[in-house]
Amino acid sequence: MHLYQHDTFWTRVKAWLPAAGGLAVLGAFLLGLWSASDTVEAEQLRMAEESIRRAAVSCYAAEGSYPQNVDYLVEHYGVQLDTQKYVVNYSVMGSNTLPYIEVVPKGGRSRLDISF
């Protein structure tokens, strides 16, 4: 007869199992939160790009030519940009050709960047 219980490997595992499960749940939650944050950021970029494109097309329809820069769209067509957060690549190829429009996060990479 034993006066005390022997400390075996499985009793130690059983003692740490709730803590490990809690850490796994916390990790899954943080991973989901991080993924949701990336999705929101991508959607904000898409919406900013779309609003600039829509304003450029409206300008073309009203004035007969695309604007030469984004500042014109901000000033005359109400486009709002968070210049602290985003950079706009706006390349005009001609007054009657839709400009190349791309919005990227500051310090981020353009879709045109190619790395090998």
N, C-alpha and C. Protein backbone atom coordinates (compact mmCIF):
# COMPACT_ATOMS: atom_id res chain seq x y z
N MET A 1 0.83 -1.16 0.00
CA MET A 1 0.00 0.00 0.00
C MET A 1 0.88 1.24 0.00
N HIS A 2 0.50 2.24 -0.85
CA HIS A 2 1.30 3.45 -0.96
C HIS A 2 0.64 4.58 -0.16
N LEU A 3 1.46 5.32 0.52
CA LEU A 3 0.95 6.45 1.28
C LEU A 3 0.78 7.69 0.41
N TYR A 4 1.44 7.72 -0.69
CA TYR A 4 1.32 8.85 -1.60
C TYR A 4 1.26 8.32 -3.04
N GLN A 5 0.73 9.15 -3.91
CA GLN A 5 0.58 8.72 -5.30
C GLN A 5 1.89 8.95 -6.04
N HIS A 6 2.25 7.99 -6.85
CA HIS A 6 3.47 8.14 -7.64
C HIS A 6 3.25 9.17 -8.73
N ASP A 7 4.23 10.04 -8.93
CA ASP A 7 4.18 11.06 -9.97
C ASP A 7 4.68 10.44 -11.27
N THR A 8 3.74 10.12 -12.14
CA THR A 8 4.11 9.49 -13.41
C THR A 8 4.05 10.52 -14.52
N PHE A 9 4.54 10.12 -15.65
CA PHE A 9 4.52 10.99 -16.83
C PHE A 9 3.10 11.41 -17.17
N TRP A 10 2.15 10.48 -17.13
CA TRP A 10 0.78 10.78 -17.54
C TRP A 10 0.07 11.69 -16.55
N THR A 11 0.41 11.63 -15.30
CA THR A 11 -0.23 12.57 -14.36
C THR A 11 0.29 13.98 -14.59
N ARG A 12 1.56 14.11 -14.97
CA ARG A 12 2.09 15.43 -15.31
C ARG A 12 1.46 15.96 -16.59
N VAL A 13 1.26 15.09 -17.58
CA VAL A 13 0.63 15.49 -18.83
C VAL A 13 -0.80 15.95 -18.56
N LYS A 14 -1.51 15.22 -17.76
CA LYS A 14 -2.89 15.59 -17.42
C LYS A 14 -2.94 16.94 -16.69
N ALA A 15 -1.94 17.25 -15.93
CA ALA A 15 -1.91 18.52 -15.21
C ALA A 15 -1.70 19.70 -16.16
N TRP A 16 -0.92 19.51 -17.21
CA TRP A 16 -0.61 20.59 -18.16
C TRP A 16 -1.58 20.66 -19.34
N LEU A 17 -2.42 19.66 -19.51
CA LEU A 17 -3.34 19.61 -20.64
C LEU A 17 -4.30 20.80 -20.70
N PRO A 18 -4.92 21.23 -19.62
CA PRO A 18 -5.81 22.41 -19.71
C PRO A 18 -5.06 23.68 -20.12
N ALA A 19 -3.85 23.85 -19.61
CA ALA A 19 -3.06 25.04 -19.98
C ALA A 19 -2.70 25.00 -21.46
N ALA A 20 -2.31 23.84 -21.97
CA ALA A 20 -1.97 23.71 -23.38
C ALA A 20 -3.20 23.95 -24.26
N GLY A 21 -4.34 23.45 -23.83
CA GLY A 21 -5.58 23.69 -24.58
C GLY A 21 -5.94 25.16 -24.60
N GLY A 22 -5.76 25.83 -23.47
CA GLY A 22 -6.03 27.27 -23.40
C GLY A 22 -5.11 28.05 -24.31
N LEU A 23 -3.84 27.69 -24.35
CA LEU A 23 -2.90 28.35 -25.25
C LEU A 23 -3.26 28.11 -26.72
N ALA A 24 -3.71 26.89 -27.03
CA ALA A 24 -4.11 26.60 -28.41
C ALA A 24 -5.32 27.44 -28.82
N VAL A 25 -6.28 27.58 -27.94
CA VAL A 25 -7.47 28.39 -28.23
C VAL A 25 -7.07 29.86 -28.38
N LEU A 26 -6.20 30.34 -27.51
CA LEU A 26 -5.73 31.72 -27.61
C LEU A 26 -4.97 31.94 -28.92
N GLY A 27 -4.13 31.00 -29.29
CA GLY A 27 -3.40 31.10 -30.55
C GLY A 27 -4.33 31.13 -31.75
N ALA A 28 -5.35 30.29 -31.75
CA ALA A 28 -6.32 30.27 -32.85
C ALA A 28 -7.08 31.59 -32.92
N PHE A 29 -7.44 32.14 -31.77
CA PHE A 29 -8.14 33.42 -31.73
C PHE A 29 -7.27 34.53 -32.30
N LEU A 30 -6.01 34.59 -31.88
CA LEU A 30 -5.10 35.63 -32.38
C LEU A 30 -4.84 35.48 -33.87
N LEU A 31 -4.72 34.26 -34.35
CA LEU A 31 -4.53 34.02 -35.77
C LEU A 31 -5.75 34.49 -36.57
N GLY A 32 -6.93 34.22 -36.06
CA GLY A 32 -8.16 34.69 -36.71
C GLY A 32 -8.25 36.20 -36.72
N LEU A 33 -7.87 36.82 -35.63
CA LEU A 33 -7.89 38.28 -35.54
C LEU A 33 -6.90 38.89 -36.52
N TRP A 34 -5.73 38.31 -36.64
CA TRP A 34 -4.70 38.79 -37.56
C TRP A 34 -5.19 38.65 -39.01
N SER A 35 -5.81 37.52 -39.32
CA SER A 35 -6.33 37.29 -40.66
C SER A 35 -7.44 38.28 -41.00
N ALA A 36 -8.32 38.55 -40.04
CA ALA A 36 -9.41 39.51 -40.26
C ALA A 36 -8.84 40.90 -40.50
N SER A 37 -7.80 41.26 -39.79
CA SER A 37 -7.16 42.56 -39.96
C SER A 37 -6.59 42.70 -41.37
N ASP A 38 -5.96 41.65 -41.87
CA ASP A 38 -5.43 41.67 -43.24
C ASP A 38 -6.54 41.81 -44.27
N THR A 39 -7.66 41.15 -44.02
CA THR A 39 -8.79 41.21 -44.94
C THR A 39 -9.38 42.62 -44.97
N VAL A 40 -9.50 43.25 -43.82
CA VAL A 40 -10.02 44.62 -43.74
C VAL A 40 -9.08 45.58 -44.47
N GLU A 41 -7.79 45.41 -44.28
CA GLU A 41 -6.80 46.27 -44.95
C GLU A 41 -6.90 46.13 -46.47
N ALA A 42 -7.01 44.89 -46.95
CA ALA A 42 -7.13 44.67 -48.39
C ALA A 42 -8.41 45.29 -48.94
N GLU A 43 -9.48 45.20 -48.19
CA GLU A 43 -10.76 45.78 -48.63
C GLU A 43 -10.68 47.30 -48.67
N GLN A 44 -10.00 47.91 -47.68
CA GLN A 44 -9.84 49.36 -47.68
C GLN A 44 -9.03 49.81 -48.89
N LEU A 45 -7.99 49.07 -49.23
CA LEU A 45 -7.18 49.41 -50.41
C LEU A 45 -8.02 49.32 -51.68
N ARG A 46 -8.80 48.24 -51.78
CA ARG A 46 -9.65 48.05 -52.96
C ARG A 46 -10.68 49.16 -53.09
N MET A 47 -11.28 49.55 -51.97
CA MET A 47 -12.30 50.60 -52.01
C MET A 47 -11.69 51.96 -52.36
N ALA A 48 -10.50 52.25 -51.84
CA ALA A 48 -9.83 53.51 -52.17
C ALA A 48 -9.50 53.56 -53.65
N GLU A 49 -8.98 52.47 -54.18
CA GLU A 49 -8.65 52.39 -55.60
C GLU A 49 -9.90 52.54 -56.46
N GLU A 50 -10.97 51.88 -56.05
CA GLU A 50 -12.22 51.94 -56.80
C GLU A 50 -12.82 53.35 -56.79
N SER A 51 -12.73 54.04 -55.66
CA SER A 51 -13.29 55.40 -55.60
C SER A 51 -12.50 56.35 -56.49
N ILE A 52 -11.19 56.18 -56.57
CA ILE A 52 -10.38 57.02 -57.46
C ILE A 52 -10.73 56.72 -58.91
N ARG A 53 -10.86 55.45 -59.24
CA ARG A 53 -11.20 55.06 -60.61
C ARG A 53 -12.57 55.60 -61.00
N ARG A 54 -13.53 55.49 -60.09
CA ARG A 54 -14.89 55.97 -60.36
C ARG A 54 -14.89 57.48 -60.57
N ALA A 55 -14.12 58.19 -59.74
CA ALA A 55 -14.05 59.65 -59.89
C ALA A 55 -13.37 60.04 -61.20
N ALA A 56 -12.35 59.29 -61.61
CA ALA A 56 -11.67 59.58 -62.88
C ALA A 56 -12.62 59.38 -64.05
N VAL A 57 -13.42 58.34 -64.01
CA VAL A 57 -14.40 58.08 -65.08
C VAL A 57 -15.47 59.17 -65.08
N SER A 58 -15.91 59.60 -63.90
CA SER A 58 -16.89 60.69 -63.81
C SER A 58 -16.31 61.97 -64.40
N CYS A 59 -15.05 62.23 -64.11
CA CYS A 59 -14.38 63.41 -64.66
C CYS A 59 -14.33 63.34 -66.18
N TYR A 60 -14.01 62.15 -66.70
CA TYR A 60 -13.95 61.97 -68.15
C TYR A 60 -15.32 62.21 -68.78
N ALA A 61 -16.36 61.68 -68.13
CA ALA A 61 -17.72 61.85 -68.65
C ALA A 61 -18.15 63.32 -68.61
N ALA A 62 -17.77 64.04 -67.57
CA ALA A 62 -18.20 65.44 -67.43
C ALA A 62 -17.34 66.41 -68.23
N GLU A 63 -16.02 66.15 -68.30
CA GLU A 63 -15.10 67.12 -68.88
C GLU A 63 -14.47 66.68 -70.19
N GLY A 64 -14.62 65.42 -70.55
CA GLY A 64 -14.09 64.95 -71.83
C GLY A 64 -12.65 64.48 -71.79
N SER A 65 -12.02 64.53 -70.62
CA SER A 65 -10.65 64.01 -70.51
C SER A 65 -10.42 63.56 -69.07
N TYR A 66 -9.48 62.63 -68.92
CA TYR A 66 -9.13 62.16 -67.58
C TYR A 66 -8.23 63.18 -66.91
N PRO A 67 -8.33 63.31 -65.59
CA PRO A 67 -7.48 64.29 -64.89
C PRO A 67 -6.01 63.88 -64.95
N GLN A 68 -5.15 64.87 -64.84
CA GLN A 68 -3.72 64.62 -64.92
C GLN A 68 -3.13 64.10 -63.61
N ASN A 69 -3.84 64.31 -62.50
CA ASN A 69 -3.33 63.82 -61.22
C ASN A 69 -4.48 63.58 -60.24
N VAL A 70 -4.16 62.92 -59.15
CA VAL A 70 -5.16 62.59 -58.14
C VAL A 70 -5.61 63.83 -57.38
N ASP A 71 -4.73 64.80 -57.24
CA ASP A 71 -5.10 66.03 -56.53
C ASP A 71 -6.32 66.70 -57.15
N TYR A 72 -6.44 66.64 -58.47
CA TYR A 72 -7.60 67.21 -59.15
C TYR A 72 -8.87 66.48 -58.72
N LEU A 73 -8.78 65.16 -58.59
CA LEU A 73 -9.95 64.38 -58.16
C LEU A 73 -10.30 64.69 -56.70
N VAL A 74 -9.31 64.89 -55.88
CA VAL A 74 -9.55 65.23 -54.48
C VAL A 74 -10.23 66.59 -54.39
N GLU A 75 -9.73 67.53 -55.16
CA GLU A 75 -10.23 68.90 -55.10
C GLU A 75 -11.61 69.06 -55.73
N HIS A 76 -11.85 68.44 -56.88
CA HIS A 76 -13.09 68.68 -57.63
C HIS A 76 -14.13 67.56 -57.55
N TYR A 77 -13.73 66.35 -57.18
CA TYR A 77 -14.67 65.23 -57.21
C TYR A 77 -14.85 64.55 -55.85
N GLY A 78 -14.33 65.16 -54.80
CA GLY A 78 -14.59 64.68 -53.45
C GLY A 78 -13.91 63.38 -53.05
N VAL A 79 -12.87 62.98 -53.76
CA VAL A 79 -12.16 61.77 -53.37
C VAL A 79 -11.43 62.04 -52.06
N GLN A 80 -11.56 61.11 -51.13
CA GLN A 80 -10.89 61.26 -49.84
C GLN A 80 -9.82 60.18 -49.71
N LEU A 81 -8.60 60.61 -49.40
CA LEU A 81 -7.49 59.68 -49.26
C LEU A 81 -6.82 59.87 -47.91
N ASP A 82 -6.46 58.78 -47.29
CA ASP A 82 -5.68 58.83 -46.06
C ASP A 82 -4.21 58.81 -46.45
N THR A 83 -3.64 60.00 -46.65
CA THR A 83 -2.26 60.10 -47.14
C THR A 83 -1.24 59.69 -46.08
N GLN A 84 -1.68 59.56 -44.84
CA GLN A 84 -0.79 59.06 -43.79
C GLN A 84 -0.61 57.55 -43.91
N LYS A 85 -1.58 56.91 -44.53
CA LYS A 85 -1.61 55.45 -44.58
C LYS A 85 -1.33 54.87 -45.96
N TYR A 86 -1.71 55.59 -47.02
CA TYR A 86 -1.64 55.05 -48.38
C TYR A 86 -0.87 55.96 -49.34
N VAL A 87 -0.33 55.35 -50.37
CA VAL A 87 0.31 56.05 -51.48
C VAL A 87 -0.44 55.66 -52.74
N VAL A 88 -0.71 56.63 -53.61
CA VAL A 88 -1.44 56.35 -54.85
C VAL A 88 -0.47 56.44 -56.02
N ASN A 89 -0.43 55.36 -56.80
CA ASN A 89 0.29 55.38 -58.08
C ASN A 89 -0.74 55.71 -59.15
N TYR A 90 -0.58 56.85 -59.78
CA TYR A 90 -1.55 57.33 -60.77
C TYR A 90 -0.76 57.75 -62.00
N SER A 91 -0.82 56.94 -63.04
CA SER A 91 -0.03 57.20 -64.25
C SER A 91 -0.97 57.49 -65.41
N VAL A 92 -0.81 58.67 -65.99
CA VAL A 92 -1.64 59.09 -67.11
C VAL A 92 -0.93 58.71 -68.41
N MET A 93 -1.66 58.06 -69.31
CA MET A 93 -1.10 57.65 -70.59
C MET A 93 -1.62 58.50 -71.74
N GLY A 94 -2.62 59.29 -71.46
CA GLY A 94 -3.24 60.16 -72.46
C GLY A 94 -4.53 60.70 -71.89
N SER A 95 -5.01 61.79 -72.46
CA SER A 95 -6.21 62.41 -71.89
C SER A 95 -7.48 61.59 -72.14
N ASN A 96 -7.42 60.66 -73.10
CA ASN A 96 -8.61 59.85 -73.38
C ASN A 96 -8.41 58.37 -73.03
N THR A 97 -7.37 58.04 -72.28
CA THR A 97 -7.11 56.67 -71.84
C THR A 97 -7.17 56.62 -70.32
N LEU A 98 -7.89 55.65 -69.79
CA LEU A 98 -8.02 55.51 -68.34
C LEU A 98 -6.63 55.37 -67.73
N PRO A 99 -6.30 56.21 -66.75
CA PRO A 99 -4.98 56.14 -66.11
C PRO A 99 -4.79 54.83 -65.34
N TYR A 100 -3.53 54.47 -65.16
CA TYR A 100 -3.21 53.34 -64.29
C TYR A 100 -3.35 53.83 -62.86
N ILE A 101 -4.16 53.15 -62.07
CA ILE A 101 -4.44 53.57 -60.69
C ILE A 101 -4.15 52.40 -59.77
N GLU A 102 -3.33 52.67 -58.76
CA GLU A 102 -3.01 51.66 -57.76
C GLU A 102 -2.81 52.34 -56.42
N VAL A 103 -3.41 51.77 -55.39
CA VAL A 103 -3.25 52.29 -54.03
C VAL A 103 -2.50 51.23 -53.23
N VAL A 104 -1.42 51.65 -52.59
CA VAL A 104 -0.61 50.72 -51.79
C VAL A 104 -0.39 51.33 -50.40
N PRO A 105 -0.22 50.48 -49.40
CA PRO A 105 0.07 51.01 -48.07
C PRO A 105 1.46 51.64 -48.03
N LYS A 106 1.60 52.68 -47.25
CA LYS A 106 2.93 53.31 -47.11
C LYS A 106 3.89 52.27 -46.55
N GLY A 107 5.05 52.20 -47.16
CA GLY A 107 6.03 51.22 -46.75
C GLY A 107 5.74 49.84 -47.29
N GLY A 108 4.61 49.70 -48.01
CA GLY A 108 4.22 48.41 -48.57
C GLY A 108 4.81 48.22 -49.95
N ARG A 109 4.42 47.14 -50.58
CA ARG A 109 4.94 46.82 -51.90
C ARG A 109 3.85 46.97 -52.93
N SER A 110 4.24 47.39 -54.09
CA SER A 110 3.33 47.53 -55.21
C SER A 110 3.10 46.17 -55.84
N ARG A 111 1.98 46.02 -56.54
CA ARG A 111 1.74 44.78 -57.27
C ARG A 111 2.72 44.64 -58.42
N LEU A 112 3.35 45.74 -58.81
CA LEU A 112 4.30 45.68 -59.90
C LEU A 112 5.68 45.21 -59.44
N ASP A 113 5.93 45.24 -58.13
CA ASP A 113 7.22 44.78 -57.62
C ASP A 113 7.36 43.29 -57.86
N ILE A 114 8.47 42.91 -58.40
CA ILE A 114 8.72 41.50 -58.68
C ILE A 114 9.99 41.11 -57.95
N SER A 115 9.91 40.07 -57.15
CA SER A 115 11.11 39.60 -56.46
C SER A 115 11.36 38.15 -56.85
N PHE A 116 12.60 37.83 -56.99
CA PHE A 116 12.99 36.47 -57.36
C PHE A 116 13.73 35.82 -56.23
